[in-house]
Amino acid sequence: MRVLVTRPAAQADDWVQALRARGLDVAALPLIGIEPPEDTAPVRNAWGALAAQRLVVFVSPNAVEQFFALRPEGAAWPAGTLAGSPGPGTSRVLQRLGVSPAAIVEPAGDAAQFDSESLWARLAQHAWQGKTVLIVRGESGRDWLADTLRAHGAEVGFVTAYRRGAPVLDAPQRARLDAALHDPHHHVWLFSSSEAIDRLLEMAPGAGVAAAVAIATHPRIAERARTAGFGAVHACRPEQDAVVACIQSIEPSERGSSSLPP
């Protein structure tokens, strides 16, 4: 059985390599395209004002990668600015791009979910009255964390670091998509975004997913998969061990006659 990783290309490749190392048949099928913003000036200006921010929240690994891709030459992360991360994937990218682990605020390792609510559980330990906060995201997103910070006295702004769009699939990826749609019992969809589910339905309108199995890395994504009509939906934490355990727990009745490695 083949696991299809639907994250944007940069993260999909990392997950494919990691899951293959665990003995799984895995392939990348990016269902979200990531592009720079139409206007890059706000991001470059944000870099110039980083030292004035008490906290910069990155909503995803894409937000980090695209924000740092526009970093002015010689710019470094200010010592007095915290970097907010909703989970370990975002934190890893921050560290890879030079942010000190001591500057990163992220959910507890045993948090039920890696999301804004779990990040706030850590941020709530700080005083925010009169502090300035910047949220780095795509064109839109949930405002829950911004509203919560404002309710605690913070001044919150946003900067758009990237645009999400339809992916451009190469020939092997298109073949994987066709194979998954025509032989759902031998494939499992791994979703880390509700938007990836929406893109799948746009790319293959009318394609039946009632016989397909989906794994979702957040309850909200799992609910979207159910409303999209996936025949079996499993939710797990967005960690490699949890994903592997979830894949291995799928019952034969859900995946036809295919088998998984032990």
C-alpha atoms as a PDB file:
ATOM      1  CA  MET A   1       0.000   0.000   0.000  1.00  0.00           C
ATOM      2  CA  ARG A   2       1.292   3.446  -0.917  1.00  0.00           C
ATOM      3  CA  VAL A   3       1.062   6.498   1.346  1.00  0.00           C
ATOM      4  CA  LEU A   4       0.617   9.802  -0.488  1.00  0.00           C
ATOM      5  CA  VAL A   5       2.089  12.835   1.273  1.00  0.00           C
ATOM      6  CA  THR A   6       0.074  15.871   0.184  1.00  0.00           C
ATOM      7  CA  ARG A   7       2.093  18.626   1.883  1.00  0.00           C
ATOM      8  CA  PRO A   8       3.661  21.364  -0.259  1.00  0.00           C
ATOM      9  CA  ALA A   9       6.716  20.119  -2.126  1.00  0.00           C
ATOM     10  CA  ALA A  10       9.432  21.256   0.303  1.00  0.00           C
ATOM     11  CA  GLN A  11       7.850  19.566   3.324  1.00  0.00           C
ATOM     12  CA  ALA A  12       6.558  16.596   1.334  1.00  0.00           C
ATOM     13  CA  ASP A  13      10.078  15.532   0.372  1.00  0.00           C
ATOM     14  CA  ASP A  14      11.217  15.576   4.003  1.00  0.00           C
ATOM     15  CA  TRP A  15       8.251  13.444   5.081  1.00  0.00           C
ATOM     16  CA  VAL A  16       8.725  11.002   2.221  1.00  0.00           C
ATOM     17  CA  GLN A  17      12.339  10.395   3.189  1.00  0.00           C
ATOM     18  CA  ALA A  18      11.490  10.004   6.867  1.00  0.00           C
ATOM     19  CA  LEU A  19       8.612   7.585   6.309  1.00  0.00           C
ATOM     20  CA  ARG A  20      10.546   5.548   3.757  1.00  0.00           C
ATOM     21  CA  ALA A  21      13.231   5.124   6.393  1.00  0.00           C
ATOM     22  CA  ARG A  22      10.525   3.498   8.527  1.00  0.00           C
ATOM     23  CA  GLY A  23       9.881   0.879   5.855  1.00  0.00           C
ATOM     24  CA  LEU A  24       6.777   2.382   4.264  1.00  0.00           C
ATOM     25  CA  ASP A  25       5.955   2.778   0.582  1.00  0.00           C
ATOM     26  CA  VAL A  26       5.596   6.561   0.364  1.00  0.00           C
ATOM     27  CA  ALA A  27       5.413   9.097  -2.454  1.00  0.00           C
ATOM     28  CA  ALA A  28       4.987  12.846  -2.655  1.00  0.00           C
ATOM     29  CA  LEU A  29       1.833  14.254  -4.198  1.00  0.00           C
ATOM     30  CA  PRO A  30       1.863  17.979  -3.303  1.00  0.00           C
ATOM     31  CA  LEU A  31      -1.669  19.337  -3.467  1.00  0.00           C
ATOM     32  CA  ILE A  32      -0.844  22.944  -2.542  1.00  0.00           C
ATOM     33  CA  GLY A  33       1.442  25.194  -4.517  1.00  0.00           C
ATOM     34  CA  ILE A  34       3.466  27.801  -2.607  1.00  0.00           C
ATOM     35  CA  GLU A  35       4.524  31.040  -4.286  1.00  0.00           C
ATOM     36  CA  PRO A  36       6.058  34.328  -3.100  1.00  0.00           C
ATOM     37  CA  PRO A  37       3.648  37.188  -2.412  1.00  0.00           C
ATOM     38  CA  GLU A  38       2.838  39.503  -5.288  1.00  0.00           C
ATOM     39  CA  ASP A  39       4.311  42.391  -3.293  1.00  0.00           C
ATOM     40  CA  THR A  40       7.482  41.477  -1.401  1.00  0.00           C
ATOM     41  CA  ALA A  41       8.054  44.952   0.074  1.00  0.00           C
ATOM     42  CA  PRO A  42       5.999  44.338   3.256  1.00  0.00           C
ATOM     43  CA  VAL A  43       8.123  41.302   4.106  1.00  0.00           C
ATOM     44  CA  ARG A  44      11.367  43.172   3.529  1.00  0.00           C
ATOM     45  CA  ASN A  45      10.039  46.055   5.632  1.00  0.00           C
ATOM     46  CA  ALA A  46       9.082  43.597   8.360  1.00  0.00           C
ATOM     47  CA  TRP A  47      12.662  42.380   8.485  1.00  0.00           C
ATOM     48  CA  GLY A  48      13.806  45.944   9.078  1.00  0.00           C
ATOM     49  CA  ALA A  49      11.446  46.284  12.041  1.00  0.00           C
ATOM     50  CA  LEU A  50      11.966  42.875  13.658  1.00  0.00           C
ATOM     51  CA  ALA A  51      13.837  44.274  16.641  1.00  0.00           C
ATOM     52  CA  ALA A  52      10.736  46.304  17.569  1.00  0.00           C
ATOM     53  CA  GLN A  53       8.608  43.159  17.793  1.00  0.00           C
ATOM     54  CA  ARG A  54       8.341  41.229  21.027  1.00  0.00           C
ATOM     55  CA  LEU A  55       7.029  38.196  19.149  1.00  0.00           C
ATOM     56  CA  VAL A  56       6.830  37.029  15.545  1.00  0.00           C
ATOM     57  CA  VAL A  57       4.463  34.090  15.008  1.00  0.00           C
ATOM     58  CA  PHE A  58       4.963  31.825  12.001  1.00  0.00           C
ATOM     59  CA  VAL A  59       1.831  29.874  11.150  1.00  0.00           C
ATOM     60  CA  SER A  60       3.628  27.043   9.306  1.00  0.00           C
ATOM     61  CA  PRO A  61       6.956  25.880   7.875  1.00  0.00           C
ATOM     62  CA  ASN A  62       5.959  27.603   4.624  1.00  0.00           C
ATOM     63  CA  ALA A  63       5.643  30.911   6.451  1.00  0.00           C
ATOM     64  CA  VAL A  64       9.173  30.531   7.812  1.00  0.00           C
ATOM     65  CA  GLU A  65      10.737  29.480   4.527  1.00  0.00           C
ATOM     66  CA  GLN A  66       9.102  32.225   2.492  1.00  0.00           C
ATOM     67  CA  PHE A  67       9.754  34.935   5.092  1.00  0.00           C
ATOM     68  CA  PHE A  68      13.432  34.001   5.311  1.00  0.00           C
ATOM     69  CA  ALA A  69      13.707  33.715   1.528  1.00  0.00           C
ATOM     70  CA  LEU A  70      13.183  37.487   1.455  1.00  0.00           C
ATOM     71  CA  ARG A  71      15.623  38.234   4.270  1.00  0.00           C
ATOM     72  CA  PRO A  72      17.873  41.185   3.403  1.00  0.00           C
ATOM     73  CA  GLU A  73      21.516  40.305   3.043  1.00  0.00           C
ATOM     74  CA  GLY A  74      23.273  40.314   6.404  1.00  0.00           C
ATOM     75  CA  ALA A  75      20.056  40.478   8.457  1.00  0.00           C
ATOM     76  CA  ALA A  76      20.013  38.351  11.601  1.00  0.00           C
ATOM     77  CA  TRP A  77      17.268  37.401  14.017  1.00  0.00           C
ATOM     78  CA  PRO A  78      17.173  40.018  16.812  1.00  0.00           C
ATOM     79  CA  ALA A  79      18.166  38.770  20.233  1.00  0.00           C
ATOM     80  CA  GLY A  80      15.133  40.277  21.977  1.00  0.00           C
ATOM     81  CA  THR A  81      12.477  38.945  19.606  1.00  0.00           C
ATOM     82  CA  LEU A  82      10.648  35.678  20.254  1.00  0.00           C
ATOM     83  CA  ALA A  83       9.641  33.365  17.406  1.00  0.00           C
ATOM     84  CA  GLY A  84       6.272  31.677  17.862  1.00  0.00           C
ATOM     85  CA  SER A  85       5.794  28.237  16.332  1.00  0.00           C
ATOM     86  CA  PRO A  86       2.642  26.072  16.300  1.00  0.00           C
ATOM     87  CA  GLY A  87       4.589  22.830  16.196  1.00  0.00           C
ATOM     88  CA  PRO A  88       7.889  20.966  15.811  1.00  0.00           C
ATOM     89  CA  GLY A  89       7.931  21.138  11.998  1.00  0.00           C
ATOM     90  CA  THR A  90       7.887  24.926  12.040  1.00  0.00           C
ATOM     91  CA  SER A  91      10.430  24.983  14.869  1.00  0.00           C
ATOM     92  CA  ARG A  92      12.842  22.787  12.919  1.00  0.00           C
ATOM     93  CA  VAL A  93      12.768  25.163   9.959  1.00  0.00           C
ATOM     94  CA  LEU A  94      13.307  28.162  12.249  1.00  0.00           C
ATOM     95  CA  GLN A  95      16.367  26.538  13.765  1.00  0.00           C
ATOM     96  CA  ARG A  96      17.705  25.474  10.364  1.00  0.00           C
ATOM     97  CA  LEU A  97      17.486  29.100   9.229  1.00  0.00           C
ATOM     98  CA  GLY A  98      19.378  30.429  12.224  1.00  0.00           C
ATOM     99  CA  VAL A  99      16.876  31.177  14.995  1.00  0.00           C
ATOM    100  CA  SER A 100      18.178  30.109  18.386  1.00  0.00           C
ATOM    101  CA  PRO A 101      16.111  27.417  20.134  1.00  0.00           C
ATOM    102  CA  ALA A 102      16.066  29.722  23.170  1.00  0.00           C
ATOM    103  CA  ALA A 103      14.091  32.291  21.144  1.00  0.00           C
ATOM    104  CA  ILE A 104      11.440  29.821  19.965  1.00  0.00           C
ATOM    105  CA  VAL A 105       8.138  29.461  21.818  1.00  0.00           C
ATOM    106  CA  GLU A 106       6.218  26.334  20.826  1.00  0.00           C
ATOM    107  CA  PRO A 107       3.544  24.026  22.274  1.00  0.00           C
ATOM    108  CA  ALA A 108       4.524  21.506  24.908  1.00  0.00           C
ATOM    109  CA  GLY A 109       5.846  18.273  23.460  1.00  0.00           C
ATOM    110  CA  ASP A 110       2.899  16.367  24.928  1.00  0.00           C
ATOM    111  CA  ALA A 111       0.260  18.860  23.747  1.00  0.00           C
ATOM    112  CA  ALA A 112      -2.912  17.204  22.471  1.00  0.00           C
ATOM    113  CA  GLN A 113      -2.558  19.128  19.200  1.00  0.00           C
ATOM    114  CA  PHE A 114       0.025  21.357  17.574  1.00  0.00           C
ATOM    115  CA  ASP A 115      -1.960  24.478  16.758  1.00  0.00           C
ATOM    116  CA  SER A 116      -2.641  28.066  17.827  1.00  0.00           C
ATOM    117  CA  GLU A 117      -4.473  27.042  20.958  1.00  0.00           C
ATOM    118  CA  SER A 118      -1.563  24.917  22.170  1.00  0.00           C
ATOM    119  CA  LEU A 119       0.878  27.692  21.308  1.00  0.00           C
ATOM    120  CA  TRP A 120      -1.197  30.142  23.334  1.00  0.00           C
ATOM    121  CA  ALA A 121      -0.907  27.841  26.359  1.00  0.00           C
ATOM    122  CA  ARG A 122       2.805  28.703  26.307  1.00  0.00           C
ATOM    123  CA  LEU A 123       2.435  32.342  25.284  1.00  0.00           C
ATOM    124  CA  ALA A 124      -0.040  32.921  28.109  1.00  0.00           C
ATOM    125  CA  GLN A 125       2.888  32.666  30.516  1.00  0.00           C
ATOM    126  CA  HIS A 126       4.149  36.035  29.211  1.00  0.00           C
ATOM    127  CA  ALA A 127       2.721  39.535  29.756  1.00  0.00           C
ATOM    128  CA  TRP A 128       1.417  41.051  26.504  1.00  0.00           C
ATOM    129  CA  GLN A 129       0.062  44.407  27.559  1.00  0.00           C
ATOM    130  CA  GLY A 130       1.588  47.009  25.224  1.00  0.00           C
ATOM    131  CA  LYS A 131       3.771  44.463  23.395  1.00  0.00           C
ATOM    132  CA  THR A 132       3.938  44.324  19.604  1.00  0.00           C
ATOM    133  CA  VAL A 133       3.357  41.063  17.753  1.00  0.00           C
ATOM    134  CA  LEU A 134       3.686  40.215  14.061  1.00  0.00           C
ATOM    135  CA  ILE A 135       1.977  37.169  12.521  1.00  0.00           C
ATOM    136  CA  VAL A 136       3.558  35.790   9.356  1.00  0.00           C
ATOM    137  CA  ARG A 137       1.116  33.855   7.184  1.00  0.00           C
ATOM    138  CA  GLY A 138      -0.379  33.419   3.707  1.00  0.00           C
ATOM    139  CA  GLU A 139      -3.093  35.608   2.268  1.00  0.00           C
ATOM    140  CA  SER A 140      -5.509  34.584   5.003  1.00  0.00           C
ATOM    141  CA  GLY A 141      -5.828  32.364   8.025  1.00  0.00           C
ATOM    142  CA  ARG A 142      -7.458  31.896  11.398  1.00  0.00           C
ATOM    143  CA  ASP A 143      -7.538  35.020  13.556  1.00  0.00           C
ATOM    144  CA  TRP A 144      -8.023  33.213  16.863  1.00  0.00           C
ATOM    145  CA  LEU A 145      -4.487  33.748  18.137  1.00  0.00           C
ATOM    146  CA  ALA A 146      -4.411  37.388  17.022  1.00  0.00           C
ATOM    147  CA  ASP A 147      -7.734  38.046  18.747  1.00  0.00           C
ATOM    148  CA  THR A 148      -6.509  36.342  21.912  1.00  0.00           C
ATOM    149  CA  LEU A 149      -3.283  38.355  21.989  1.00  0.00           C
ATOM    150  CA  ARG A 150      -5.214  41.583  21.441  1.00  0.00           C
ATOM    151  CA  ALA A 151      -7.553  40.657  24.274  1.00  0.00           C
ATOM    152  CA  HIS A 152      -4.454  40.499  26.493  1.00  0.00           C
ATOM    153  CA  GLY A 153      -3.252  43.943  25.445  1.00  0.00           C
ATOM    154  CA  ALA A 154      -0.930  43.205  22.542  1.00  0.00           C
ATOM    155  CA  GLU A 155      -0.734  45.206  19.321  1.00  0.00           C
ATOM    156  CA  VAL A 156      -0.958  42.630  16.525  1.00  0.00           C
ATOM    157  CA  GLY A 157      -0.110  43.034  12.848  1.00  0.00           C
ATOM    158  CA  PHE A 158       0.106  40.657   9.891  1.00  0.00           C
ATOM    159  CA  VAL A 159       2.416  40.218   6.937  1.00  0.00           C
ATOM    160  CA  THR A 160       1.744  38.001   3.924  1.00  0.00           C
ATOM    161  CA  ALA A 161       4.858  35.972   3.153  1.00  0.00           C
ATOM    162  CA  TYR A 162       3.448  33.590   0.568  1.00  0.00           C
ATOM    163  CA  ARG A 163       0.508  32.688  -1.629  1.00  0.00           C
ATOM    164  CA  ARG A 164      -1.173  29.309  -1.810  1.00  0.00           C
ATOM    165  CA  GLY A 165      -2.407  28.033  -5.133  1.00  0.00           C
ATOM    166  CA  ALA A 166      -3.020  24.984  -7.246  1.00  0.00           C
ATOM    167  CA  PRO A 167       0.034  22.754  -7.584  1.00  0.00           C
ATOM    168  CA  VAL A 168       1.701  22.046 -10.900  1.00  0.00           C
ATOM    169  CA  LEU A 169       2.072  18.272 -11.049  1.00  0.00           C
ATOM    170  CA  ASP A 170       4.799  16.681 -13.127  1.00  0.00           C
ATOM    171  CA  ALA A 171       4.137  13.508 -15.118  1.00  0.00           C
ATOM    172  CA  PRO A 172       5.026  11.046 -12.305  1.00  0.00           C
ATOM    173  CA  GLN A 173       2.885  12.972  -9.812  1.00  0.00           C
ATOM    174  CA  ARG A 174      -0.058  13.055 -12.234  1.00  0.00           C
ATOM    175  CA  ALA A 175       0.342   9.295 -12.660  1.00  0.00           C
ATOM    176  CA  ARG A 176       0.261   8.864  -8.874  1.00  0.00           C
ATOM    177  CA  LEU A 177      -2.924  10.896  -8.671  1.00  0.00           C
ATOM    178  CA  ASP A 178      -4.601   8.834 -11.381  1.00  0.00           C
ATOM    179  CA  ALA A 179      -3.482   5.580  -9.752  1.00  0.00           C
ATOM    180  CA  ALA A 180      -4.804   6.644  -6.360  1.00  0.00           C
ATOM    181  CA  LEU A 181      -8.175   7.632  -7.779  1.00  0.00           C
ATOM    182  CA  HIS A 182      -8.534   4.412  -9.776  1.00  0.00           C
ATOM    183  CA  ASP A 183      -7.184   2.060  -7.090  1.00  0.00           C
ATOM    184  CA  PRO A 184      -8.134   3.594  -3.721  1.00  0.00           C
ATOM    185  CA  HIS A 185      -7.649   0.386  -1.722  1.00  0.00           C
ATOM    186  CA  HIS A 186      -3.914   0.443  -2.382  1.00  0.00           C
ATOM    187  CA  HIS A 187      -3.396   4.068  -1.327  1.00  0.00           C
ATOM    188  CA  VAL A 188      -3.676   6.146   1.841  1.00  0.00           C
ATOM    189  CA  TRP A 189      -3.916   9.930   1.719  1.00  0.00           C
ATOM    190  CA  LEU A 190      -1.921  11.814   4.360  1.00  0.00           C
ATOM    191  CA  PHE A 191      -3.387  15.296   4.837  1.00  0.00           C
ATOM    192  CA  SER A 192      -1.832  18.100   6.891  1.00  0.00           C
ATOM    193  CA  SER A 193      -4.199  20.771   5.592  1.00  0.00           C
ATOM    194  CA  SER A 194      -7.903  21.016   4.842  1.00  0.00           C
ATOM    195  CA  GLU A 195      -6.968  23.048   1.786  1.00  0.00           C
ATOM    196  CA  ALA A 196      -5.173  20.030   0.338  1.00  0.00           C
ATOM    197  CA  ILE A 197      -8.479  18.145   0.436  1.00  0.00           C
ATOM    198  CA  ASP A 198     -10.210  21.028  -1.304  1.00  0.00           C
ATOM    199  CA  ARG A 199      -7.507  21.097  -3.989  1.00  0.00           C
ATOM    200  CA  LEU A 200      -7.882  17.363  -4.567  1.00  0.00           C
ATOM    201  CA  LEU A 201     -11.607  17.761  -5.149  1.00  0.00           C
ATOM    202  CA  GLU A 202     -10.942  20.686  -7.522  1.00  0.00           C
ATOM    203  CA  MET A 203      -8.328  18.756  -9.497  1.00  0.00           C
ATOM    204  CA  ALA A 204     -10.476  15.640  -9.786  1.00  0.00           C
ATOM    205  CA  PRO A 205     -14.080  16.855  -9.770  1.00  0.00           C
ATOM    206  CA  GLY A 206     -16.533  14.033  -9.422  1.00  0.00           C
ATOM    207  CA  ALA A 207     -13.858  11.591  -8.304  1.00  0.00           C
ATOM    208  CA  GLY A 208     -15.279   9.226  -5.761  1.00  0.00           C
ATOM    209  CA  VAL A 209     -13.357   9.011  -2.492  1.00  0.00           C
ATOM    210  CA  ALA A 210     -15.864   6.813  -0.666  1.00  0.00           C
ATOM    211  CA  ALA A 211     -13.468   3.863  -0.911  1.00  0.00           C
ATOM    212  CA  ALA A 212     -10.408   5.932   0.037  1.00  0.00           C
ATOM    213  CA  VAL A 213      -8.617   6.114   3.381  1.00  0.00           C
ATOM    214  CA  ALA A 214      -7.407   9.444   4.768  1.00  0.00           C
ATOM    215  CA  ILE A 215      -5.093  10.227   7.659  1.00  0.00           C
ATOM    216  CA  ALA A 216      -5.395  13.761   9.021  1.00  0.00           C
ATOM    217  CA  THR A 217      -2.954  15.448  11.367  1.00  0.00           C
ATOM    218  CA  HIS A 218      -5.571  17.595  13.124  1.00  0.00           C
ATOM    219  CA  PRO A 219      -9.234  17.069  14.101  1.00  0.00           C
ATOM    220  CA  ARG A 220     -10.347  19.968  11.891  1.00  0.00           C
ATOM    221  CA  ILE A 221      -8.674  18.338   8.899  1.00  0.00           C
ATOM    222  CA  ALA A 222     -10.242  14.993   9.777  1.00  0.00           C
ATOM    223  CA  GLU A 223     -13.669  16.602   9.859  1.00  0.00           C
ATOM    224  CA  ARG A 224     -13.080  18.132   6.420  1.00  0.00           C
ATOM    225  CA  ALA A 225     -12.091  14.706   5.064  1.00  0.00           C
ATOM    226  CA  ARG A 226     -15.296  13.222   6.428  1.00  0.00           C
ATOM    227  CA  THR A 227     -17.463  15.919   4.873  1.00  0.00           C
ATOM    228  CA  ALA A 228     -15.572  15.395   1.588  1.00  0.00           C
ATOM    229  CA  GLY A 229     -16.773  11.798   1.637  1.00  0.00           C
ATOM    230  CA  PHE A 230     -13.661   9.767   2.443  1.00  0.00           C
ATOM    231  CA  GLY A 231     -14.726   6.280   3.406  1.00  0.00           C
ATOM    232  CA  ALA A 232     -12.360   5.973   6.372  1.00  0.00           C
ATOM    233  CA  VAL A 233     -10.722   8.852   8.208  1.00  0.00           C
ATOM    234  CA  HIS A 234      -8.119   8.604  10.974  1.00  0.00           C
ATOM    235  CA  ALA A 235      -6.771  11.542  13.006  1.00  0.00           C
ATOM    236  CA  CYS A 236      -3.333  11.578  14.589  1.00  0.00           C
ATOM    237  CA  ARG A 237      -0.702  14.011  15.820  1.00  0.00           C
ATOM    238  CA  PRO A 238       1.599  15.505  13.131  1.00  0.00           C
ATOM    239  CA  GLU A 239       4.618  13.550  14.319  1.00  0.00           C
ATOM    240  CA  GLN A 240       6.367  10.798  12.428  1.00  0.00           C
ATOM    241  CA  ASP A 241       5.923   8.158  15.135  1.00  0.00           C
ATOM    242  CA  ALA A 242       2.217   8.959  15.432  1.00  0.00           C
ATOM    243  CA  VAL A 243       1.709   8.899  11.668  1.00  0.00           C
ATOM    244  CA  VAL A 244       3.521   5.567  11.306  1.00  0.00           C
ATOM    245  CA  ALA A 245       1.495   4.037  14.137  1.00  0.00           C
ATOM    246  CA  CYS A 246      -1.713   5.333  12.559  1.00  0.00           C
ATOM    247  CA  ILE A 247      -0.834   3.849   9.168  1.00  0.00           C
ATOM    248  CA  GLN A 248       0.004   0.507  10.721  1.00  0.00           C
ATOM    249  CA  SER A 249      -3.284   0.496  12.643  1.00  0.00           C
ATOM    250  CA  ILE A 250      -5.452   0.649   9.532  1.00  0.00           C
ATOM    251  CA  GLU A 251      -7.632  -2.447   9.375  1.00  0.00           C
ATOM    252  CA  PRO A 252      -7.511  -4.719   6.296  1.00  0.00           C
ATOM    253  CA  SER A 253     -11.227  -4.136   5.788  1.00  0.00           C
ATOM    254  CA  GLU A 254     -10.463  -0.448   5.204  1.00  0.00           C
ATOM    255  CA  ARG A 255      -7.715  -1.003   2.663  1.00  0.00           C
ATOM    256  CA  GLY A 256      -8.827  -3.988   0.646  1.00  0.00           C
ATOM    257  CA  SER A 257      -6.345  -6.791   0.226  1.00  0.00           C
ATOM    258  CA  SER A 258      -3.204  -4.671   0.548  1.00  0.00           C
ATOM    259  CA  SER A 259      -0.826  -5.158   3.422  1.00  0.00           C
ATOM    260  CA  LEU A 260       1.453  -2.982   5.475  1.00  0.00           C
ATOM    261  CA  PRO A 261       4.953  -3.691   6.697  1.00  0.00           C
ATOM    262  CA  PRO A 262       5.089  -4.598  10.399  1.00  0.00           C
END
